[in-house]
Amino acid sequence: MIALDSLLAHLAQTQLKDWTTSLSAQLQEKLDKGHGDLQRWQTALDALPALTPEQIELASELRLSAALDSAQQQALEQALLGLKPWRKGPFHLFDVHVDTEWRSDWKWNRIAPHLNLNGKRVLDVGSGNGYYLWRMLGAGARSAIGVDPNWLFLCQFNAVQRFLPHLPAWQLPFTLEELPEKLEGFDMTFSMGVLYHRRSPIDHLIQLKDTLLSGGELVLETLVVEGDAQQVLVPEDRYAQMRNVWFLPSVPALELWLRRAGFTDVRCVDVTPTSTDEQRSTEWMSFQSLPDFLDPNDPSKTCEGYPAPLRATLVARKP
């Protein structure tokens, strides 16, 4: 399920080599626990046809191309539908367009011009199905490792990796907290859509800093609200129907948090309201989505009466 040998070989040549002593056992422990739907998802993976892309595009979009016959296309589409719901994307896999809930390519196109990934070793915390890992490689990253405890997301990543087995991208079913302390081996760490799920956001920022080499950069994307450096929204219960949302700071407050966590050169590179064109239900994610979570009479508010989703991306450096 995970290309562990190639990952261990890669890590052995880096400042992360000490991680290799514990990674295999930790991963096996996770696999032994597994998930109740894992066999069903594995069946979908096993049904994927053996295809080799003739063209690979990761820089401007995620598109794999080759000539398929109708049987191959049908088999591919049915196998990928067996891995629903697809949340991050989109993926253009041969003749199948996986139209995901999120237009994650829009977010990437907003933030990528502000980043230099050339030759960088990258960690993506809360990587979902790994969509951004492939886009990071397309932007010049040397390697990209994602961690996300969701087993379906891992299976979706594996589906794409079937067609790109030689590229240096790996996904692990871990949380940030399950990684070794003070890894200090990555040139760039991403945390996108994670901070507001953390009860202790400063601790999260410090843990992210501990994954970085000195001089490394954090790319932090999260929900924010308008206001000054003392403005933070703490939802009473749910926010946009999500129970596990704890803190929505203003951009100035978030900049202050980053500095208090020990980062320098803090800068905000993007602030964008989330639209119902960017997050919505599709054939590939048919459950409720953003249009269902907003006030039907006032889309500037969530159904709970809070400000509608506004997302900011900040970049900061570890001294």
Protein backbone atom coordinates (compact mmCIF):
# COMPACT_ATOMS: atom_id res chain seq x y z
CA MET A 1 0.00 0.00 0.00
CA ILE A 2 2.93 2.36 0.67
CA ALA A 3 6.14 2.44 -1.37
CA LEU A 4 8.17 2.14 1.83
CA ASP A 5 11.42 0.90 0.32
CA SER A 6 11.80 3.91 -1.95
CA LEU A 7 10.85 6.27 0.87
CA LEU A 8 13.40 4.73 3.25
CA ALA A 9 16.08 4.91 0.56
CA HIS A 10 15.27 8.57 0.01
CA LEU A 11 15.29 9.43 3.72
CA ALA A 12 18.59 7.63 4.24
CA GLN A 13 20.30 10.19 2.02
CA THR A 14 18.95 13.19 3.97
CA GLN A 15 19.00 14.81 7.41
CA LEU A 16 15.93 12.64 8.07
CA LYS A 17 17.92 9.39 8.10
CA ASP A 18 17.29 8.80 11.83
CA TRP A 19 13.58 8.60 11.09
CA THR A 20 14.15 5.37 9.15
CA THR A 21 14.89 3.45 12.37
CA SER A 22 11.31 3.80 13.64
CA LEU A 23 9.24 4.42 10.53
CA SER A 24 8.72 0.81 9.42
CA ALA A 25 7.47 -0.39 12.81
CA GLN A 26 5.25 2.65 13.28
CA LEU A 27 3.73 2.20 9.86
CA GLN A 28 3.12 -1.51 10.43
CA GLU A 29 1.33 -0.73 13.67
CA LYS A 30 -0.95 1.63 11.79
CA LEU A 31 -1.59 -0.90 9.05
CA ASP A 32 -2.42 -3.58 11.62
CA LYS A 33 -5.17 -1.36 13.04
CA GLY A 34 -6.40 -0.48 9.56
CA HIS A 35 -9.95 0.71 8.86
CA GLY A 36 -13.28 -1.04 8.43
CA ASP A 37 -13.64 0.08 4.80
CA LEU A 38 -10.05 -0.54 3.84
CA GLN A 39 -10.76 -3.81 2.02
CA ARG A 40 -13.49 -2.17 -0.07
CA TRP A 41 -11.15 0.64 -1.05
CA GLN A 42 -8.38 -1.86 -1.77
CA THR A 43 -10.75 -3.69 -4.11
CA ALA A 44 -11.25 -0.43 -6.01
CA LEU A 45 -7.48 0.05 -6.22
CA ASP A 46 -7.04 -3.50 -7.50
CA ALA A 47 -9.59 -2.79 -10.23
CA LEU A 48 -7.54 0.06 -11.70
CA PRO A 49 -6.32 -0.84 -15.19
CA ALA A 50 -2.58 -0.95 -15.78
CA LEU A 51 -1.92 2.30 -17.62
CA THR A 52 1.25 4.19 -18.47
CA PRO A 53 0.90 7.91 -19.16
CA GLU A 54 2.39 9.11 -22.42
CA GLN A 55 2.27 12.70 -21.16
CA ILE A 56 2.50 13.98 -17.58
CA GLU A 57 1.57 17.54 -16.66
CA LEU A 58 1.98 18.61 -13.03
CA ALA A 59 3.01 22.26 -13.36
CA SER A 60 -0.08 23.94 -14.82
CA GLU A 61 -2.57 21.26 -13.73
CA LEU A 62 -2.63 17.58 -12.82
CA ARG A 63 -3.17 15.75 -16.09
CA LEU A 64 -2.05 12.33 -17.28
CA SER A 65 -2.61 11.45 -20.93
CA ALA A 66 -2.51 8.33 -23.07
CA ALA A 67 -4.71 6.64 -25.64
CA LEU A 68 -7.34 4.41 -23.94
CA ASP A 69 -9.93 2.10 -25.40
CA SER A 70 -13.49 2.24 -24.11
CA ALA A 71 -13.05 -0.76 -21.81
CA GLN A 72 -10.00 0.77 -20.15
CA GLN A 73 -11.75 4.11 -19.70
CA GLN A 74 -14.82 2.49 -18.17
CA ALA A 75 -12.71 0.35 -15.83
CA LEU A 76 -10.71 3.39 -14.75
CA GLU A 77 -13.78 5.51 -14.07
CA GLN A 78 -15.56 2.80 -12.11
CA ALA A 79 -12.51 2.08 -9.98
CA LEU A 80 -12.03 5.77 -9.17
CA LEU A 81 -15.73 6.17 -8.35
CA GLY A 82 -15.22 3.35 -5.86
CA LEU A 83 -12.98 5.72 -3.90
CA LYS A 84 -15.60 8.45 -3.40
CA PRO A 85 -15.87 11.02 -1.92
CA TRP A 86 -13.04 12.95 -3.63
CA ARG A 87 -12.49 16.28 -1.89
CA LYS A 88 -9.23 17.81 -3.20
CA GLY A 89 -8.38 18.08 -6.88
CA PRO A 90 -9.27 18.11 -9.72
CA PHE A 91 -7.51 15.19 -11.37
CA HIS A 92 -7.47 14.64 -15.11
CA LEU A 93 -6.50 10.97 -15.22
CA PHE A 94 -6.34 9.93 -18.86
CA ASP A 95 -9.90 10.32 -20.15
CA VAL A 96 -11.51 10.60 -16.70
CA HIS A 97 -12.07 14.00 -15.08
CA VAL A 98 -12.30 13.61 -11.30
CA ASP A 99 -14.29 16.76 -10.48
CA THR A 100 -13.59 17.07 -6.77
CA GLU A 101 -15.46 19.08 -4.12
CA TRP A 102 -12.66 21.65 -3.93
CA ARG A 103 -11.10 23.44 -6.85
CA SER A 104 -7.75 23.05 -5.11
CA ASP A 105 -6.01 24.16 -8.29
CA TRP A 106 -7.42 27.66 -7.71
CA LYS A 107 -5.79 27.85 -4.28
CA TRP A 108 -2.51 26.52 -5.66
CA ASN A 109 -2.53 29.04 -8.48
CA ARG A 110 -3.00 31.84 -5.94
CA ILE A 111 -0.14 30.87 -3.64
CA ALA A 112 2.42 29.13 -5.90
CA PRO A 113 3.74 32.39 -7.46
CA HIS A 114 4.86 33.46 -3.97
CA LEU A 115 6.89 30.29 -3.32
CA ASN A 116 10.21 28.89 -4.46
CA LEU A 117 10.04 25.11 -4.36
CA ASN A 118 12.99 24.44 -6.67
CA GLY A 119 15.07 21.60 -5.23
CA LYS A 120 13.19 21.72 -1.91
CA ARG A 121 12.36 18.78 0.31
CA VAL A 122 8.73 19.37 1.29
CA LEU A 123 6.39 18.12 4.03
CA ASP A 124 2.62 18.61 3.68
CA VAL A 125 0.78 18.26 6.99
CA GLY A 126 -2.88 17.34 6.53
CA SER A 127 -2.22 16.52 2.91
CA GLY A 128 -5.64 15.05 2.16
CA ASN A 129 -5.45 12.85 -0.92
CA GLY A 130 -2.06 14.22 -1.91
CA TYR A 131 -3.20 16.54 -4.69
CA TYR A 132 -0.76 19.24 -3.63
CA LEU A 133 2.14 16.78 -3.39
CA TRP A 134 2.00 16.29 -7.15
CA ARG A 135 1.65 20.03 -7.78
CA MET A 136 4.68 20.64 -5.54
CA LEU A 137 6.73 18.30 -7.71
CA GLY A 138 5.42 20.14 -10.74
CA ALA A 139 6.72 23.37 -9.18
CA GLY A 140 10.22 21.91 -8.87
CA ALA A 141 10.29 20.27 -5.44
CA ARG A 142 12.97 17.59 -5.00
CA SER A 143 10.57 15.42 -3.00
CA ALA A 144 7.20 15.72 -1.27
CA ILE A 145 5.97 13.76 1.73
CA GLY A 146 2.40 14.07 2.98
CA VAL A 147 0.95 13.03 6.32
CA ASP A 148 -2.78 12.58 6.86
CA PRO A 149 -4.48 9.97 9.06
CA ASN A 150 -7.45 9.48 6.75
CA TRP A 151 -7.29 6.04 5.12
CA LEU A 152 -9.55 6.91 2.18
CA PHE A 153 -7.28 9.83 1.32
CA LEU A 154 -4.31 7.45 1.37
CA CYS A 155 -6.12 5.11 -1.04
CA GLN A 156 -6.89 8.03 -3.37
CA PHE A 157 -3.23 9.02 -3.30
CA ASN A 158 -2.28 5.44 -4.07
CA ALA A 159 -4.63 5.43 -7.06
CA VAL A 160 -2.73 8.32 -8.63
CA GLN A 161 0.64 6.94 -7.56
CA ARG A 162 -0.13 3.74 -9.51
CA PHE A 163 0.42 5.80 -12.64
CA LEU A 164 3.40 7.81 -11.30
CA PRO A 165 5.38 5.19 -9.35
CA HIS A 166 8.82 6.66 -10.00
CA LEU A 167 8.12 10.19 -8.79
CA PRO A 168 9.42 11.17 -5.32
CA ALA A 169 6.05 11.64 -3.59
CA TRP A 170 4.88 9.62 -0.60
CA GLN A 171 1.86 9.72 1.71
CA LEU A 172 1.82 8.37 5.27
CA PRO A 173 -1.29 7.76 7.46
CA PHE A 174 0.04 9.84 10.36
CA THR A 175 -0.84 13.01 12.17
CA LEU A 176 1.78 15.68 12.81
CA GLU A 177 1.81 14.63 16.44
CA GLU A 178 2.78 11.08 15.46
CA LEU A 179 5.96 12.21 13.73
CA PRO A 180 9.24 12.13 15.66
CA GLU A 181 9.93 15.26 17.66
CA LYS A 182 12.26 17.82 16.14
CA LEU A 183 12.63 16.18 12.75
CA GLU A 184 14.33 19.34 11.47
CA GLY A 185 14.79 17.88 8.00
CA PHE A 186 12.52 19.75 5.59
CA ASP A 187 13.20 22.88 3.54
CA MET A 188 9.51 23.75 3.41
CA THR A 189 6.49 22.60 5.42
CA PHE A 190 2.88 23.20 4.42
CA SER A 191 -0.10 23.29 6.77
CA MET A 192 -3.24 24.09 4.80
CA GLY A 193 -6.67 23.80 6.36
CA VAL A 194 -5.39 22.36 9.64
CA LEU A 195 -4.78 25.16 12.15
CA TYR A 196 -8.45 25.89 12.90
CA HIS A 197 -8.94 22.24 13.86
CA ARG A 198 -6.29 22.50 16.59
CA ARG A 199 -7.25 23.24 20.19
CA SER A 200 -3.78 24.65 20.80
CA PRO A 201 -2.78 26.61 17.69
CA ILE A 202 0.52 27.90 19.09
CA ASP A 203 1.63 24.34 19.88
CA HIS A 204 0.75 23.39 16.31
CA LEU A 205 2.91 26.21 14.96
CA ILE A 206 5.84 25.17 17.17
CA GLN A 207 5.50 21.55 16.04
CA LEU A 208 5.52 22.71 12.42
CA LYS A 209 8.64 24.78 13.09
CA ASP A 210 10.35 21.69 14.52
CA THR A 211 9.96 19.88 11.18
CA LEU A 212 12.03 22.53 9.40
CA LEU A 213 15.71 23.00 8.84
CA SER A 214 17.15 26.33 9.94
CA GLY A 215 16.16 28.82 7.24
CA GLY A 216 13.26 26.65 6.14
CA GLU A 217 9.85 28.10 5.34
CA LEU A 218 6.36 27.38 6.65
CA VAL A 219 3.39 27.87 4.33
CA LEU A 220 0.31 28.24 6.52
CA GLU A 221 -3.22 28.45 5.12
CA THR A 222 -6.23 28.73 7.41
CA LEU A 223 -9.59 30.33 8.02
CA VAL A 224 -9.41 33.92 9.25
CA VAL A 225 -11.68 36.80 10.17
CA GLU A 226 -11.36 40.53 9.68
CA GLY A 227 -9.87 42.57 12.51
CA ASP A 228 -6.80 43.76 14.35
CA ALA A 229 -4.10 41.77 16.15
CA GLN A 230 -6.42 41.07 19.11
CA GLN A 231 -9.33 39.78 17.02
CA VAL A 232 -10.00 36.02 17.22
CA LEU A 233 -13.32 34.24 16.64
CA VAL A 234 -14.05 31.27 18.91
CA PRO A 235 -17.24 29.56 17.67
CA GLU A 236 -19.75 28.61 20.35
CA ASP A 237 -20.37 25.22 18.77
CA ARG A 238 -20.21 24.66 15.01
CA TYR A 239 -18.74 26.82 12.28
CA ALA A 240 -20.16 26.17 8.80
CA GLN A 241 -21.49 22.93 10.25
CA MET A 242 -18.00 21.83 11.35
CA ARG A 243 -17.78 20.88 15.03
CA ASN A 244 -14.01 20.83 15.32
CA VAL A 245 -13.28 24.50 14.60
CA TRP A 246 -11.64 26.21 17.55
CA PHE A 247 -9.93 29.48 16.58
CA LEU A 248 -10.30 31.82 13.60
CA PRO A 249 -7.79 34.65 14.05
CA SER A 250 -7.44 37.83 12.05
CA VAL A 251 -4.42 38.03 9.76
CA PRO A 252 -2.60 40.41 12.16
CA ALA A 253 -3.32 38.03 15.06
CA LEU A 254 -2.02 35.10 13.03
CA GLU A 255 1.14 37.03 12.20
CA LEU A 256 1.58 37.67 15.91
CA TRP A 257 1.07 33.96 16.70
CA LEU A 258 3.75 33.03 14.18
CA ARG A 259 6.22 35.47 15.68
CA ARG A 260 5.45 34.24 19.20
CA ALA A 261 6.10 30.68 17.96
CA GLY A 262 9.58 31.79 16.87
CA PHE A 263 9.16 32.47 13.16
CA THR A 264 10.62 35.46 11.37
CA ASP A 265 10.00 37.16 8.00
CA VAL A 266 6.25 36.61 8.39
CA ARG A 267 4.23 37.77 5.42
CA CYS A 268 0.68 37.29 4.16
CA VAL A 269 0.59 36.35 0.47
CA ASP A 270 -3.12 35.77 -0.11
CA VAL A 271 -6.53 36.47 1.44
CA THR A 272 -9.51 35.11 -0.50
CA PRO A 273 -13.17 34.47 0.40
CA THR A 274 -14.20 30.90 -0.36
CA SER A 275 -16.86 30.92 -3.06
CA THR A 276 -19.47 28.32 -3.85
CA ASP A 277 -17.70 27.81 -7.18
CA GLU A 278 -14.51 26.82 -5.36
CA GLN A 279 -16.17 24.42 -2.89
CA ARG A 280 -19.32 22.57 -3.93
CA SER A 281 -20.93 19.17 -4.36
CA THR A 282 -20.18 17.16 -7.50
CA GLU A 283 -20.68 13.66 -8.85
CA TRP A 284 -17.41 12.76 -7.15
CA MET A 285 -18.41 14.28 -3.77
CA SER A 286 -22.18 14.18 -3.55
CA PHE A 287 -22.61 15.11 0.12
CA GLN A 288 -23.42 18.57 1.45
CA SER A 289 -20.86 21.29 0.73
CA LEU A 290 -20.37 25.04 1.17
CA PRO A 291 -23.68 26.17 -0.42
CA ASP A 292 -25.47 24.17 2.30
CA PHE A 293 -23.41 25.72 5.10
CA LEU A 294 -24.18 29.38 4.35
CA ASP A 295 -27.18 31.45 5.42
CA PRO A 296 -29.61 31.10 2.48
CA ASN A 297 -30.76 34.70 3.01
CA ASP A 298 -27.29 36.18 3.51
CA PRO A 299 -24.37 34.28 1.93
CA SER A 300 -21.91 36.61 3.71
CA LYS A 301 -22.65 34.57 6.84
CA THR A 302 -22.56 30.90 7.76
CA CYS A 303 -25.77 29.17 8.75
CA GLU A 304 -24.74 29.80 12.37
CA GLY A 305 -24.44 33.55 11.78
CA TYR A 306 -20.63 33.80 11.70
CA PRO A 307 -18.68 35.51 8.89
CA ALA A 308 -18.55 33.29 5.80
CA PRO A 309 -15.27 31.44 5.13
CA LEU A 310 -12.30 33.70 4.44
CA ARG A 311 -8.92 32.03 3.94
CA ALA A 312 -5.45 33.48 4.26
CA THR A 313 -2.05 32.08 3.35
CA LEU A 314 1.03 33.23 5.24
CA VAL A 315 4.68 32.37 4.73
CA ALA A 316 7.19 32.48 7.59
CA ARG A 317 10.82 31.47 8.09
CA LYS A 318 12.50 29.44 10.80
CA PRO A 319 15.62 31.28 12.00
